[in-house]
Amino acid sequence: MVYKQQAFLSIKDHAGIAPHMRIAQLTDTHLTTPESDAEHAPGRADDLARAVEAVNALELEVDVVIHTGDMTQTAVDAEYNLAREILDGLNAPLYVVPGNRDSRGGLRSTFGPDGYMGGQGDDPVMYVINDHAVRLIGFDTQSSTSMLANLCADRLGWLDAALADCSNEPVAVMMHHPPIWVKASTVKPFNFETQEDADALEGVIAKHDVARVFCGHSHRAYGDDFGGTECTTVPSLATDLRQGDYPDAMGASVVFQVHEYSPEGRFQSQSHVAGAKAGHQVAAA
């Protein structure tokens, strides 16, 4: 399948960009509306709201916020409307990519008016943001047949060209599925349909100087080398889905990460915690 070129939008540089950049990463919110009667619905909306509040309250402000997919649980309009209502509270600009539980069309109709996505309907959500110290490339790994990542020659070719266009600028890629083996995972450590797709992506990344590949999906913090750069995942914002070993006292606390880029050409990542919601009893540490 050949994708329409207009699906991939590039925003031109601004003059006087500072050499540092701070990115807050949110992921795997899996929002469900209260009308669904799902037991976890109020908690997940509250998790996202507390994360937004915590990001805004950081001592050092972030330049952008990225959401690396699975924003919703069932991709219905009501879930995207709820996400938009909460995320509109962010002080920093937001950039999003689809996860396996998202609808490209739903994501685009809700966040497309922000002007950076381009494309129409179910076109892949892929774009380049040139407004900051580090160029951000949103890359779509969604498959039409499974919950795992699927890539094609058209998407890989677009990414190769987009990275080549950034050859003189620091650049990072944001996508949902990690192309690495998340060895700490006891659920599903590899999340591509085929190793060949992951290898093809690694070949593209290895051709270019990429500062980081930011991913979600695994619901846990993890990182490994990928194509000569670092590929990382972060915990899910939905606390009921978060994977990894945390103290009991943190069970109801939201965890997100902030990635800081410096002129040395790399990102340093730090975890931040938004405390338990009011009235929630947590175990003693």
Foldseek 3Di string as FASTA:
>chain_A
DAFDPQQAEEDDEDPDFDQKFKEWEAEQLAADDVVVVDPLRVLSLVLLLLVQVVQQPDPDHGQEYEYAENQHNQADLVSLVSSLVRNVSHPHYYYYAYAQNHQCQSVCVSCVVVPFRGDHGRGHRWYWYRYHQAIEIEAEQYDPPDRFGDDDPNRLVVLLVVQVVCQPGAYEYGHAAFLAQQVVDPPGRHRHPDVVVSVSNLVSLLVGQYQEYEYEDRQDWDWDDGSNYIYIYHHHSSLVPHDDDDPQQCSQKGKIKMWMDHNVRYTDIDIDIRHHDPPDDTDDD
